[in-house]
Amino acid sequence: MFEFAWPWVFALLPLPWLARLLLPRAKPLSSALKVPFYAELSQRGGGGPSNPLNLLMLSLIWILLVAAAARPQWYGEPIAQTSSARDLLVAVDISGSMETPDMVLNGSPAMRIDAVKAVVGDFVDRREGDRLGLVLFGTRAYLQAPLTYDRETVGTLLREAQIGFAGQGTAIGDAIGLSVKRLMQRPAKQRVLILLTDGANTAGEVSPLKAAELAAQAGVTVYTVGVGAEEMVQPGLLGSRFGARRINPSRDLDSKTLQAIADRTGGRYFRARNPQELEEIYEELDRLEPVEQEAASYRPLKSLFIWPLATALLLALLWASIPLLGNGLARLPREAG
């Protein structure tokens, strides 16, 4: 739909004609420098401002300038916009134990962190409309990506996370505390934290259960995910089967504390022994915390003032060049003679 934002500007259209009718004509100066060239140029260019062609050009230029000042604009068709009242932080453990190669991706052995990046990255991509953030923690917890609607950036920062950047320990309590602090700064109706780890709290200044109490007071729902296989074959001498033994690589996982954190905040504890279970967990999280889309739409607005303004400029240049072109054409027969 086309419209003018300031249609009242068109009230200025008769201003030049009113000025010409009401204001007295300027008196010529008694002392002036007479240059015959300009008189000749004026005559060959079609006369003064009272010439019909000049009046037409000046009128068009003035109308176009007024039209540009009235801010013409075009409104496009309404576009639905998804929005959500949910703020969701994902806290990922990047301690040294996340290098354990007890996962299988595409038929090949993979480290836990690689499986987490693949599955959580897909989860982030699906959360269209949510405001997402990323916390990475090891010995210390860091806010890697603040709450944002830019899911692509959050996914990129997750994929670029490296083991050991935050230390070799596991500060679960600090990760929850930092997440609660960030979520409390947002006036959201619903605040969610998904915490993923493969161990127990071995570092940090806040205990996990104390952090869970703070989360419950702030209205933050915490879903905890324990990652790691329960059985892994450890190669024997020089990588051979001789002397190989089966071990539990998740013996340090503190499932009891993770369960308690979820219970105190109204969330749930999940156990992911392989990428398939991890994928099922995040599909379940999609069901538990669906994207709440509010009915909202907007109409794209395109400003069009540049077109009448540019046209007025071109007409002004053309009008100014007519006398020069006429004078040049008039000189051609003389030079040829």
C-alpha atoms as a PDB file:
ATOM      1  CA  MET A   1       0.000   0.000   0.000  1.00  0.00           C
ATOM      2  CA  PHE A   2       1.337   3.402  -1.021  1.00  0.00           C
ATOM      3  CA  GLU A   3       0.979   6.444   1.206  1.00  0.00           C
ATOM      4  CA  PHE A   4       2.623   9.698   2.268  1.00  0.00           C
ATOM      5  CA  ALA A   5       3.808   9.821   5.883  1.00  0.00           C
ATOM      6  CA  TRP A   6       3.502  13.634   6.014  1.00  0.00           C
ATOM      7  CA  PRO A   7       0.719  14.570   3.561  1.00  0.00           C
ATOM      8  CA  TRP A   8       0.328  18.009   5.183  1.00  0.00           C
ATOM      9  CA  VAL A   9       3.591  19.019   3.466  1.00  0.00           C
ATOM     10  CA  PHE A  10       1.614  19.407   0.221  1.00  0.00           C
ATOM     11  CA  ALA A  11       0.145  22.575   1.724  1.00  0.00           C
ATOM     12  CA  LEU A  12       3.460  24.191   0.737  1.00  0.00           C
ATOM     13  CA  LEU A  13       2.840  23.630  -2.986  1.00  0.00           C
ATOM     14  CA  PRO A  14       1.428  27.131  -3.747  1.00  0.00           C
ATOM     15  CA  LEU A  15       4.198  28.847  -1.774  1.00  0.00           C
ATOM     16  CA  PRO A  16       6.349  29.927  -4.809  1.00  0.00           C
ATOM     17  CA  TRP A  17       3.318  31.346  -6.661  1.00  0.00           C
ATOM     18  CA  LEU A  18       2.116  33.185  -3.556  1.00  0.00           C
ATOM     19  CA  ALA A  19       5.581  34.602  -3.050  1.00  0.00           C
ATOM     20  CA  ARG A  20       5.681  35.827  -6.646  1.00  0.00           C
ATOM     21  CA  LEU A  21       2.244  37.453  -6.366  1.00  0.00           C
ATOM     22  CA  LEU A  22       2.535  39.031  -2.934  1.00  0.00           C
ATOM     23  CA  LEU A  23       6.183  39.955  -2.521  1.00  0.00           C
ATOM     24  CA  PRO A  24       7.497  43.082  -4.275  1.00  0.00           C
ATOM     25  CA  ARG A  25       9.916  42.608  -7.121  1.00  0.00           C
ATOM     26  CA  ALA A  26      13.562  43.111  -6.300  1.00  0.00           C
ATOM     27  CA  LYS A  27      14.881  46.522  -7.371  1.00  0.00           C
ATOM     28  CA  PRO A  28      17.914  46.447  -9.665  1.00  0.00           C
ATOM     29  CA  LEU A  29      21.131  47.698  -8.157  1.00  0.00           C
ATOM     30  CA  SER A  30      22.370  51.063  -9.349  1.00  0.00           C
ATOM     31  CA  SER A  31      25.914  49.812  -9.833  1.00  0.00           C
ATOM     32  CA  ALA A  32      26.351  46.502 -11.571  1.00  0.00           C
ATOM     33  CA  LEU A  33      28.779  44.799 -13.870  1.00  0.00           C
ATOM     34  CA  LYS A  34      27.249  44.402 -17.319  1.00  0.00           C
ATOM     35  CA  VAL A  35      28.330  41.311 -19.196  1.00  0.00           C
ATOM     36  CA  PRO A  36      26.783  41.023 -22.654  1.00  0.00           C
ATOM     37  CA  PHE A  37      27.576  37.322 -22.759  1.00  0.00           C
ATOM     38  CA  TYR A  38      24.955  36.516 -20.101  1.00  0.00           C
ATOM     39  CA  ALA A  39      22.298  38.616 -21.797  1.00  0.00           C
ATOM     40  CA  GLU A  40      22.944  36.779 -25.028  1.00  0.00           C
ATOM     41  CA  LEU A  41      22.942  33.463 -23.176  1.00  0.00           C
ATOM     42  CA  SER A  42      19.603  34.296 -21.556  1.00  0.00           C
ATOM     43  CA  GLN A  43      18.006  35.179 -24.871  1.00  0.00           C
ATOM     44  CA  ARG A  44      19.188  32.001 -26.563  1.00  0.00           C
ATOM     45  CA  GLY A  45      18.234  29.861 -23.579  1.00  0.00           C
ATOM     46  CA  GLY A  46      14.594  30.763 -23.870  1.00  0.00           C
ATOM     47  CA  GLY A  47      14.227  33.939 -21.818  1.00  0.00           C
ATOM     48  CA  GLY A  48      13.776  34.460 -18.096  1.00  0.00           C
ATOM     49  CA  PRO A  49      11.637  32.727 -15.466  1.00  0.00           C
ATOM     50  CA  SER A  50       8.412  33.932 -17.149  1.00  0.00           C
ATOM     51  CA  ASN A  51       9.107  31.738 -20.179  1.00  0.00           C
ATOM     52  CA  PRO A  52       6.486  28.893 -20.302  1.00  0.00           C
ATOM     53  CA  LEU A  53       9.143  26.176 -20.576  1.00  0.00           C
ATOM     54  CA  ASN A  54      11.038  27.554 -17.608  1.00  0.00           C
ATOM     55  CA  LEU A  55       7.857  27.860 -15.579  1.00  0.00           C
ATOM     56  CA  LEU A  56       6.965  24.268 -16.384  1.00  0.00           C
ATOM     57  CA  MET A  57      10.412  22.954 -15.411  1.00  0.00           C
ATOM     58  CA  LEU A  58      10.553  24.961 -12.186  1.00  0.00           C
ATOM     59  CA  SER A  59       7.024  23.894 -11.259  1.00  0.00           C
ATOM     60  CA  LEU A  60       7.843  20.231 -11.791  1.00  0.00           C
ATOM     61  CA  ILE A  61      11.022  20.533  -9.750  1.00  0.00           C
ATOM     62  CA  TRP A  62       9.146  22.200  -6.882  1.00  0.00           C
ATOM     63  CA  ILE A  63       6.338  19.609  -6.931  1.00  0.00           C
ATOM     64  CA  LEU A  64       8.863  16.766  -6.828  1.00  0.00           C
ATOM     65  CA  LEU A  65      10.741  18.357  -3.922  1.00  0.00           C
ATOM     66  CA  VAL A  66       7.519  18.754  -1.949  1.00  0.00           C
ATOM     67  CA  ALA A  67       6.547  15.158  -2.748  1.00  0.00           C
ATOM     68  CA  ALA A  68       9.914  13.936  -1.484  1.00  0.00           C
ATOM     69  CA  ALA A  69       9.502  15.990   1.712  1.00  0.00           C
ATOM     70  CA  ALA A  70       6.090  14.358   2.275  1.00  0.00           C
ATOM     71  CA  ARG A  71       7.921  11.020   2.718  1.00  0.00           C
ATOM     72  CA  PRO A  72       6.291   8.661   0.208  1.00  0.00           C
ATOM     73  CA  GLN A  73       6.480   5.047   1.364  1.00  0.00           C
ATOM     74  CA  TRP A  74       5.252   1.612   0.459  1.00  0.00           C
ATOM     75  CA  TYR A  75       3.868  -0.896   2.976  1.00  0.00           C
ATOM     76  CA  GLY A  76       4.246  -4.535   1.964  1.00  0.00           C
ATOM     77  CA  GLU A  77       1.953  -7.418   2.793  1.00  0.00           C
ATOM     78  CA  PRO A  78       1.751  -8.438   6.487  1.00  0.00           C
ATOM     79  CA  ILE A  79       4.447 -10.948   7.477  1.00  0.00           C
ATOM     80  CA  ALA A  80       3.886 -13.285  10.431  1.00  0.00           C
ATOM     81  CA  GLN A  81       6.599 -13.019  13.072  1.00  0.00           C
ATOM     82  CA  THR A  82       7.187 -15.769  15.601  1.00  0.00           C
ATOM     83  CA  SER A  83       8.005 -14.725  19.118  1.00  0.00           C
ATOM     84  CA  SER A  84       8.260 -16.447  22.448  1.00  0.00           C
ATOM     85  CA  ALA A  85       8.303 -15.523  26.081  1.00  0.00           C
ATOM     86  CA  ARG A  86      10.906 -18.207  26.819  1.00  0.00           C
ATOM     87  CA  ASP A  87      14.542 -17.544  27.653  1.00  0.00           C
ATOM     88  CA  LEU A  88      16.624 -20.713  27.307  1.00  0.00           C
ATOM     89  CA  LEU A  89      20.250 -21.197  28.304  1.00  0.00           C
ATOM     90  CA  VAL A  90      22.288 -24.267  27.373  1.00  0.00           C
ATOM     91  CA  ALA A  91      25.197 -25.039  29.729  1.00  0.00           C
ATOM     92  CA  VAL A  92      27.748 -27.474  28.265  1.00  0.00           C
ATOM     93  CA  ASP A  93      30.567 -29.185  30.143  1.00  0.00           C
ATOM     94  CA  ILE A  94      33.913 -28.794  28.320  1.00  0.00           C
ATOM     95  CA  SER A  95      36.119 -30.311  31.018  1.00  0.00           C
ATOM     96  CA  GLY A  96      38.857 -32.820  30.191  1.00  0.00           C
ATOM     97  CA  SER A  97      36.627 -35.871  30.627  1.00  0.00           C
ATOM     98  CA  MET A  98      34.493 -34.779  27.667  1.00  0.00           C
ATOM     99  CA  GLU A  99      37.319 -36.054  25.431  1.00  0.00           C
ATOM    100  CA  THR A 100      36.442 -39.660  26.334  1.00  0.00           C
ATOM    101  CA  PRO A 101      35.824 -41.522  23.016  1.00  0.00           C
ATOM    102  CA  ASP A 102      32.887 -43.642  24.153  1.00  0.00           C
ATOM    103  CA  MET A 103      30.364 -42.350  21.589  1.00  0.00           C
ATOM    104  CA  VAL A 104      29.691 -43.471  18.024  1.00  0.00           C
ATOM    105  CA  LEU A 105      28.864 -40.959  15.287  1.00  0.00           C
ATOM    106  CA  ASN A 106      28.187 -42.121  11.736  1.00  0.00           C
ATOM    107  CA  GLY A 107      29.611 -45.531  12.569  1.00  0.00           C
ATOM    108  CA  SER A 108      32.922 -44.208  13.910  1.00  0.00           C
ATOM    109  CA  PRO A 109      34.154 -43.717  17.487  1.00  0.00           C
ATOM    110  CA  ALA A 110      33.716 -40.128  18.662  1.00  0.00           C
ATOM    111  CA  MET A 111      34.397 -38.069  21.748  1.00  0.00           C
ATOM    112  CA  ARG A 112      31.546 -37.043  24.002  1.00  0.00           C
ATOM    113  CA  ILE A 113      31.963 -33.379  23.122  1.00  0.00           C
ATOM    114  CA  ASP A 114      31.578 -34.172  19.405  1.00  0.00           C
ATOM    115  CA  ALA A 115      28.289 -35.987  20.017  1.00  0.00           C
ATOM    116  CA  VAL A 116      27.081 -33.113  22.175  1.00  0.00           C
ATOM    117  CA  LYS A 117      27.949 -30.537  19.506  1.00  0.00           C
ATOM    118  CA  ALA A 118      26.085 -32.504  16.847  1.00  0.00           C
ATOM    119  CA  VAL A 119      22.912 -33.105  18.847  1.00  0.00           C
ATOM    120  CA  VAL A 120      22.726 -29.830  20.767  1.00  0.00           C
ATOM    121  CA  GLY A 121      23.504 -27.916  17.578  1.00  0.00           C
ATOM    122  CA  ASP A 122      20.421 -29.420  15.923  1.00  0.00           C
ATOM    123  CA  PHE A 123      18.380 -28.609  19.018  1.00  0.00           C
ATOM    124  CA  VAL A 124      19.477 -24.965  18.858  1.00  0.00           C
ATOM    125  CA  ASP A 125      18.515 -24.771  15.187  1.00  0.00           C
ATOM    126  CA  ARG A 126      15.012 -25.994  15.985  1.00  0.00           C
ATOM    127  CA  ARG A 127      14.306 -23.381  18.666  1.00  0.00           C
ATOM    128  CA  GLU A 128      13.039 -20.723  16.287  1.00  0.00           C
ATOM    129  CA  GLY A 129      11.417 -17.957  18.305  1.00  0.00           C
ATOM    130  CA  ASP A 130      13.249 -18.651  21.584  1.00  0.00           C
ATOM    131  CA  ARG A 131      15.911 -16.390  22.986  1.00  0.00           C
ATOM    132  CA  LEU A 132      18.932 -18.686  23.396  1.00  0.00           C
ATOM    133  CA  GLY A 133      22.248 -18.385  25.209  1.00  0.00           C
ATOM    134  CA  LEU A 134      25.300 -20.584  25.772  1.00  0.00           C
ATOM    135  CA  VAL A 135      27.317 -21.214  28.944  1.00  0.00           C
ATOM    136  CA  LEU A 136      30.529 -23.244  28.827  1.00  0.00           C
ATOM    137  CA  PHE A 137      32.017 -24.573  32.026  1.00  0.00           C
ATOM    138  CA  GLY A 138      35.001 -26.505  33.280  1.00  0.00           C
ATOM    139  CA  THR A 139      36.925 -25.357  36.318  1.00  0.00           C
ATOM    140  CA  ARG A 140      35.149 -22.036  35.767  1.00  0.00           C
ATOM    141  CA  ALA A 141      31.917 -21.110  34.060  1.00  0.00           C
ATOM    142  CA  TYR A 142      31.754 -18.588  31.221  1.00  0.00           C
ATOM    143  CA  LEU A 143      28.916 -16.967  29.324  1.00  0.00           C
ATOM    144  CA  GLN A 144      29.915 -17.741  25.757  1.00  0.00           C
ATOM    145  CA  ALA A 145      26.779 -16.326  24.095  1.00  0.00           C
ATOM    146  CA  PRO A 146      24.302 -14.008  25.831  1.00  0.00           C
ATOM    147  CA  LEU A 147      20.585 -14.507  25.332  1.00  0.00           C
ATOM    148  CA  THR A 148      19.793 -13.740  21.723  1.00  0.00           C
ATOM    149  CA  TYR A 149      17.460 -14.634  18.869  1.00  0.00           C
ATOM    150  CA  ASP A 150      20.521 -15.261  16.684  1.00  0.00           C
ATOM    151  CA  ARG A 151      20.483 -19.061  16.759  1.00  0.00           C
ATOM    152  CA  GLU A 152      23.130 -19.297  14.049  1.00  0.00           C
ATOM    153  CA  THR A 153      25.704 -17.491  16.186  1.00  0.00           C
ATOM    154  CA  VAL A 154      24.905 -19.625  19.225  1.00  0.00           C
ATOM    155  CA  GLY A 155      25.370 -22.781  17.141  1.00  0.00           C
ATOM    156  CA  THR A 156      28.668 -21.510  15.734  1.00  0.00           C
ATOM    157  CA  LEU A 157      30.046 -20.708  19.193  1.00  0.00           C
ATOM    158  CA  LEU A 158      29.038 -24.178  20.385  1.00  0.00           C
ATOM    159  CA  ARG A 159      30.830 -25.871  17.485  1.00  0.00           C
ATOM    160  CA  GLU A 160      33.949 -23.779  18.118  1.00  0.00           C
ATOM    161  CA  ALA A 161      34.128 -24.709  21.830  1.00  0.00           C
ATOM    162  CA  GLN A 162      37.332 -26.584  22.700  1.00  0.00           C
ATOM    163  CA  ILE A 163      38.117 -28.931  25.566  1.00  0.00           C
ATOM    164  CA  GLY A 164      40.185 -27.302  28.297  1.00  0.00           C
ATOM    165  CA  PHE A 165      39.280 -23.681  27.481  1.00  0.00           C
ATOM    166  CA  ALA A 166      37.569 -23.406  30.870  1.00  0.00           C
ATOM    167  CA  GLY A 167      39.916 -25.737  32.754  1.00  0.00           C
ATOM    168  CA  GLN A 168      39.957 -29.458  33.472  1.00  0.00           C
ATOM    169  CA  GLY A 169      37.589 -29.439  36.479  1.00  0.00           C
ATOM    170  CA  THR A 170      33.792 -29.425  36.555  1.00  0.00           C
ATOM    171  CA  ALA A 171      32.043 -26.466  38.212  1.00  0.00           C
ATOM    172  CA  ILE A 172      28.400 -27.501  37.968  1.00  0.00           C
ATOM    173  CA  GLY A 173      27.266 -25.164  40.743  1.00  0.00           C
ATOM    174  CA  ASP A 174      28.977 -22.142  39.216  1.00  0.00           C
ATOM    175  CA  ALA A 175      27.447 -22.928  35.806  1.00  0.00           C
ATOM    176  CA  ILE A 176      23.954 -22.986  37.325  1.00  0.00           C
ATOM    177  CA  GLY A 177      24.619 -19.834  39.337  1.00  0.00           C
ATOM    178  CA  LEU A 178      25.882 -17.926  36.304  1.00  0.00           C
ATOM    179  CA  SER A 179      22.924 -19.079  34.246  1.00  0.00           C
ATOM    180  CA  VAL A 180      20.442 -18.016  36.920  1.00  0.00           C
ATOM    181  CA  LYS A 181      22.084 -14.592  37.120  1.00  0.00           C
ATOM    182  CA  ARG A 182      21.742 -14.095  33.370  1.00  0.00           C
ATOM    183  CA  LEU A 183      18.178 -15.391  33.200  1.00  0.00           C
ATOM    184  CA  MET A 184      17.047 -13.135  36.049  1.00  0.00           C
ATOM    185  CA  GLN A 185      18.054 -10.081  34.038  1.00  0.00           C
ATOM    186  CA  ARG A 186      15.365 -10.853  31.472  1.00  0.00           C
ATOM    187  CA  PRO A 187      11.662 -10.184  32.119  1.00  0.00           C
ATOM    188  CA  ALA A 188      10.636 -13.525  30.690  1.00  0.00           C
ATOM    189  CA  LYS A 189       7.566 -15.470  31.717  1.00  0.00           C
ATOM    190  CA  GLN A 190       9.473 -18.712  31.598  1.00  0.00           C
ATOM    191  CA  ARG A 191      13.183 -19.301  32.136  1.00  0.00           C
ATOM    192  CA  VAL A 192      14.819 -22.616  31.250  1.00  0.00           C
ATOM    193  CA  LEU A 193      18.316 -24.011  31.747  1.00  0.00           C
ATOM    194  CA  ILE A 194      19.536 -27.220  30.114  1.00  0.00           C
ATOM    195  CA  LEU A 195      22.736 -28.398  31.809  1.00  0.00           C
ATOM    196  CA  LEU A 196      24.807 -31.131  30.216  1.00  0.00           C
ATOM    197  CA  THR A 197      27.735 -32.799  31.999  1.00  0.00           C
ATOM    198  CA  ASP A 198      29.544 -36.133  32.236  1.00  0.00           C
ATOM    199  CA  GLY A 199      30.934 -35.904  35.765  1.00  0.00           C
ATOM    200  CA  ALA A 200      30.558 -34.597  39.290  1.00  0.00           C
ATOM    201  CA  ASN A 201      31.118 -31.167  40.773  1.00  0.00           C
ATOM    202  CA  THR A 202      34.877 -30.897  41.407  1.00  0.00           C
ATOM    203  CA  ALA A 203      35.435 -27.132  41.241  1.00  0.00           C
ATOM    204  CA  GLY A 204      33.740 -23.801  41.752  1.00  0.00           C
ATOM    205  CA  GLU A 205      32.574 -21.700  44.670  1.00  0.00           C
ATOM    206  CA  VAL A 206      28.874 -22.643  44.723  1.00  0.00           C
ATOM    207  CA  SER A 207      27.616 -26.130  45.460  1.00  0.00           C
ATOM    208  CA  PRO A 208      25.216 -27.616  42.901  1.00  0.00           C
ATOM    209  CA  LEU A 209      22.369 -27.994  45.402  1.00  0.00           C
ATOM    210  CA  LYS A 210      22.748 -24.433  46.672  1.00  0.00           C
ATOM    211  CA  ALA A 211      22.689 -23.211  43.067  1.00  0.00           C
ATOM    212  CA  ALA A 212      19.552 -25.299  42.484  1.00  0.00           C
ATOM    213  CA  GLU A 213      17.843 -23.518  45.399  1.00  0.00           C
ATOM    214  CA  LEU A 214      18.725 -20.149  43.858  1.00  0.00           C
ATOM    215  CA  ALA A 215      17.341 -21.344  40.525  1.00  0.00           C
ATOM    216  CA  ALA A 216      14.069 -22.444  42.132  1.00  0.00           C
ATOM    217  CA  GLN A 217      13.701 -19.061  43.861  1.00  0.00           C
ATOM    218  CA  ALA A 218      14.280 -17.271  40.545  1.00  0.00           C
ATOM    219  CA  GLY A 219      11.720 -19.409  38.725  1.00  0.00           C
ATOM    220  CA  VAL A 220      14.324 -21.160  36.558  1.00  0.00           C
ATOM    221  CA  THR A 221      13.537 -24.697  35.446  1.00  0.00           C
ATOM    222  CA  VAL A 222      16.692 -26.802  35.189  1.00  0.00           C
ATOM    223  CA  TYR A 223      16.858 -29.899  33.011  1.00  0.00           C
ATOM    224  CA  THR A 224      20.004 -31.942  33.647  1.00  0.00           C
ATOM    225  CA  VAL A 225      21.560 -34.378  31.177  1.00  0.00           C
ATOM    226  CA  GLY A 226      24.204 -36.923  32.152  1.00  0.00           C
ATOM    227  CA  VAL A 227      26.394 -37.930  29.189  1.00  0.00           C
ATOM    228  CA  GLY A 228      28.603 -40.982  28.789  1.00  0.00           C
ATOM    229  CA  ALA A 229      28.482 -44.695  27.997  1.00  0.00           C
ATOM    230  CA  GLU A 230      28.299 -47.217  30.812  1.00  0.00           C
ATOM    231  CA  GLU A 231      30.601 -49.692  29.126  1.00  0.00           C
ATOM    232  CA  MET A 232      33.747 -49.269  27.062  1.00  0.00           C
ATOM    233  CA  VAL A 233      36.447 -51.649  25.915  1.00  0.00           C
ATOM    234  CA  GLN A 234      39.894 -50.427  26.883  1.00  0.00           C
ATOM    235  CA  PRO A 235      42.549 -51.772  24.488  1.00  0.00           C
ATOM    236  CA  GLY A 236      45.356 -53.921  25.799  1.00  0.00           C
ATOM    237  CA  LEU A 237      49.072 -53.829  25.120  1.00  0.00           C
ATOM    238  CA  LEU A 238      49.969 -51.742  22.042  1.00  0.00           C
ATOM    239  CA  GLY A 239      46.312 -51.426  21.149  1.00  0.00           C
ATOM    240  CA  SER A 240      45.754 -55.162  20.704  1.00  0.00           C
ATOM    241  CA  ARG A 241      42.951 -57.274  22.120  1.00  0.00           C
ATOM    242  CA  PHE A 242      45.406 -59.042  24.398  1.00  0.00           C
ATOM    243  CA  GLY A 243      44.841 -57.687  27.885  1.00  0.00           C
ATOM    244  CA  ALA A 244      41.809 -55.626  26.824  1.00  0.00           C
ATOM    245  CA  ARG A 245      39.240 -55.015  29.537  1.00  0.00           C
ATOM    246  CA  ARG A 246      35.800 -53.533  29.887  1.00  0.00           C
ATOM    247  CA  ILE A 247      35.429 -50.431  32.022  1.00  0.00           C
ATOM    248  CA  ASN A 248      32.671 -48.011  33.005  1.00  0.00           C
ATOM    249  CA  PRO A 249      33.763 -44.609  31.645  1.00  0.00           C
ATOM    250  CA  SER A 250      30.883 -42.907  33.458  1.00  0.00           C
ATOM    251  CA  ARG A 251      31.779 -44.052  36.947  1.00  0.00           C
ATOM    252  CA  ASP A 252      32.365 -40.421  38.005  1.00  0.00           C
ATOM    253  CA  LEU A 253      28.952 -39.212  36.833  1.00  0.00           C
ATOM    254  CA  ASP A 254      27.009 -37.874  39.834  1.00  0.00           C
ATOM    255  CA  SER A 255      23.512 -38.869  38.746  1.00  0.00           C
ATOM    256  CA  LYS A 256      22.137 -38.420  42.261  1.00  0.00           C
ATOM    257  CA  THR A 257      23.044 -34.739  42.391  1.00  0.00           C
ATOM    258  CA  LEU A 258      21.821 -34.114  38.858  1.00  0.00           C
ATOM    259  CA  GLN A 259      18.504 -35.737  39.761  1.00  0.00           C
ATOM    260  CA  ALA A 260      18.235 -33.578  42.890  1.00  0.00           C
ATOM    261  CA  ILE A 261      18.908 -30.390  40.892  1.00  0.00           C
ATOM    262  CA  ALA A 262      16.126 -31.238  38.456  1.00  0.00           C
ATOM    263  CA  ASP A 263      13.691 -32.149  41.232  1.00  0.00           C
ATOM    264  CA  ARG A 264      14.248 -28.900  43.146  1.00  0.00           C
ATOM    265  CA  THR A 265      13.650 -26.720  40.092  1.00  0.00           C
ATOM    266  CA  GLY A 266      10.729 -28.569  38.529  1.00  0.00           C
ATOM    267  CA  GLY A 267      12.793 -30.070  35.724  1.00  0.00           C
ATOM    268  CA  ARG A 268      13.866 -33.586  34.827  1.00  0.00           C
ATOM    269  CA  TYR A 269      17.059 -35.606  34.778  1.00  0.00           C
ATOM    270  CA  PHE A 270      17.986 -37.492  31.622  1.00  0.00           C
ATOM    271  CA  ARG A 271      20.663 -40.091  30.969  1.00  0.00           C
ATOM    272  CA  ALA A 272      22.358 -40.169  27.556  1.00  0.00           C
ATOM    273  CA  ARG A 273      24.560 -43.217  26.982  1.00  0.00           C
ATOM    274  CA  ASN A 274      24.909 -42.668  23.241  1.00  0.00           C
ATOM    275  CA  PRO A 275      24.075 -40.039  20.584  1.00  0.00           C
ATOM    276  CA  GLN A 276      20.733 -41.711  19.844  1.00  0.00           C
ATOM    277  CA  GLU A 277      19.588 -41.363  23.451  1.00  0.00           C
ATOM    278  CA  LEU A 278      20.889 -37.801  23.506  1.00  0.00           C
ATOM    279  CA  GLU A 279      18.844 -36.996  20.418  1.00  0.00           C
ATOM    280  CA  GLU A 280      15.739 -38.539  22.017  1.00  0.00           C
ATOM    281  CA  ILE A 281      16.312 -36.430  25.125  1.00  0.00           C
ATOM    282  CA  TYR A 282      16.376 -33.193  23.165  1.00  0.00           C
ATOM    283  CA  GLU A 283      13.280 -34.252  21.244  1.00  0.00           C
ATOM    284  CA  GLU A 284      11.613 -34.796  24.617  1.00  0.00           C
ATOM    285  CA  LEU A 285      12.781 -31.344  25.711  1.00  0.00           C
ATOM    286  CA  ASP A 286      11.104 -29.928  22.616  1.00  0.00           C
ATOM    287  CA  ARG A 287       7.862 -31.474  23.842  1.00  0.00           C
ATOM    288  CA  LEU A 288       8.327 -30.418  27.467  1.00  0.00           C
ATOM    289  CA  GLU A 289       9.254 -26.856  26.520  1.00  0.00           C
ATOM    290  CA  PRO A 290       7.466 -26.152  23.220  1.00  0.00           C
ATOM    291  CA  VAL A 291       8.133 -22.926  21.395  1.00  0.00           C
ATOM    292  CA  GLU A 292       5.253 -20.667  22.404  1.00  0.00           C
ATOM    293  CA  GLN A 293       4.507 -18.519  19.400  1.00  0.00           C
ATOM    294  CA  GLU A 294       2.511 -15.354  19.972  1.00  0.00           C
ATOM    295  CA  ALA A 295       0.265 -13.922  17.263  1.00  0.00           C
ATOM    296  CA  ALA A 296       2.369 -11.106  15.895  1.00  0.00           C
ATOM    297  CA  SER A 297       2.970  -9.671  12.462  1.00  0.00           C
ATOM    298  CA  TYR A 298       4.616  -6.709  10.845  1.00  0.00           C
ATOM    299  CA  ARG A 299       4.446  -4.971   7.485  1.00  0.00           C
ATOM    300  CA  PRO A 300       7.743  -4.219   5.764  1.00  0.00           C
ATOM    301  CA  LEU A 301       8.154  -0.522   5.061  1.00  0.00           C
ATOM    302  CA  LYS A 302      10.120   0.840   2.116  1.00  0.00           C
ATOM    303  CA  SER A 303      10.881   4.545   1.858  1.00  0.00           C
ATOM    304  CA  LEU A 304      10.488   6.004  -1.653  1.00  0.00           C
ATOM    305  CA  PHE A 305      11.532   9.637  -1.171  1.00  0.00           C
ATOM    306  CA  ILE A 306      14.745   9.052  -3.122  1.00  0.00           C
ATOM    307  CA  TRP A 307      12.819   8.727  -6.422  1.00  0.00           C
ATOM    308  CA  PRO A 308      11.116  12.153  -6.538  1.00  0.00           C
ATOM    309  CA  LEU A 309      14.230  13.731  -5.043  1.00  0.00           C
ATOM    310  CA  ALA A 310      16.506  12.209  -7.675  1.00  0.00           C
ATOM    311  CA  THR A 311      14.077  13.164 -10.464  1.00  0.00           C
ATOM    312  CA  ALA A 312      13.991  16.753  -9.210  1.00  0.00           C
ATOM    313  CA  LEU A 313      17.779  16.852  -9.212  1.00  0.00           C
ATOM    314  CA  LEU A 314      17.974  15.539 -12.782  1.00  0.00           C
ATOM    315  CA  LEU A 315      15.387  18.074 -13.991  1.00  0.00           C
ATOM    316  CA  ALA A 316      17.291  20.883 -12.249  1.00  0.00           C
ATOM    317  CA  LEU A 317      20.513  19.827 -13.990  1.00  0.00           C
ATOM    318  CA  LEU A 318      18.699  19.613 -17.319  1.00  0.00           C
ATOM    319  CA  TRP A 319      17.090  23.035 -16.836  1.00  0.00           C
ATOM    320  CA  ALA A 320      20.457  24.588 -15.942  1.00  0.00           C
ATOM    321  CA  SER A 321      22.172  23.021 -18.949  1.00  0.00           C
ATOM    322  CA  ILE A 322      19.631  24.140 -21.603  1.00  0.00           C
ATOM    323  CA  PRO A 323      21.104  27.671 -21.984  1.00  0.00           C
ATOM    324  CA  LEU A 324      24.626  26.290 -22.203  1.00  0.00           C
ATOM    325  CA  LEU A 325      23.626  23.769 -24.840  1.00  0.00           C
ATOM    326  CA  GLY A 326      21.741  26.419 -26.825  1.00  0.00           C
ATOM    327  CA  ASN A 327      24.721  28.765 -26.750  1.00  0.00           C
ATOM    328  CA  GLY A 328      27.063  26.021 -27.913  1.00  0.00           C
ATOM    329  CA  LEU A 329      24.803  25.092 -30.813  1.00  0.00           C
ATOM    330  CA  ALA A 330      24.490  28.763 -31.812  1.00  0.00           C
ATOM    331  CA  ARG A 331      28.259  29.105 -32.058  1.00  0.00           C
ATOM    332  CA  LEU A 332      28.699  26.100 -34.342  1.00  0.00           C
ATOM    333  CA  PRO A 333      27.722  27.888 -37.613  1.00  0.00           C
ATOM    334  CA  ARG A 334      30.033  30.819 -36.821  1.00  0.00           C
ATOM    335  CA  GLU A 335      32.996  28.516 -36.132  1.00  0.00           C
ATOM    336  CA  ALA A 336      32.250  26.502 -39.252  1.00  0.00           C
ATOM    337  CA  GLY A 337      32.112  29.695 -41.318  1.00  0.00           C
END
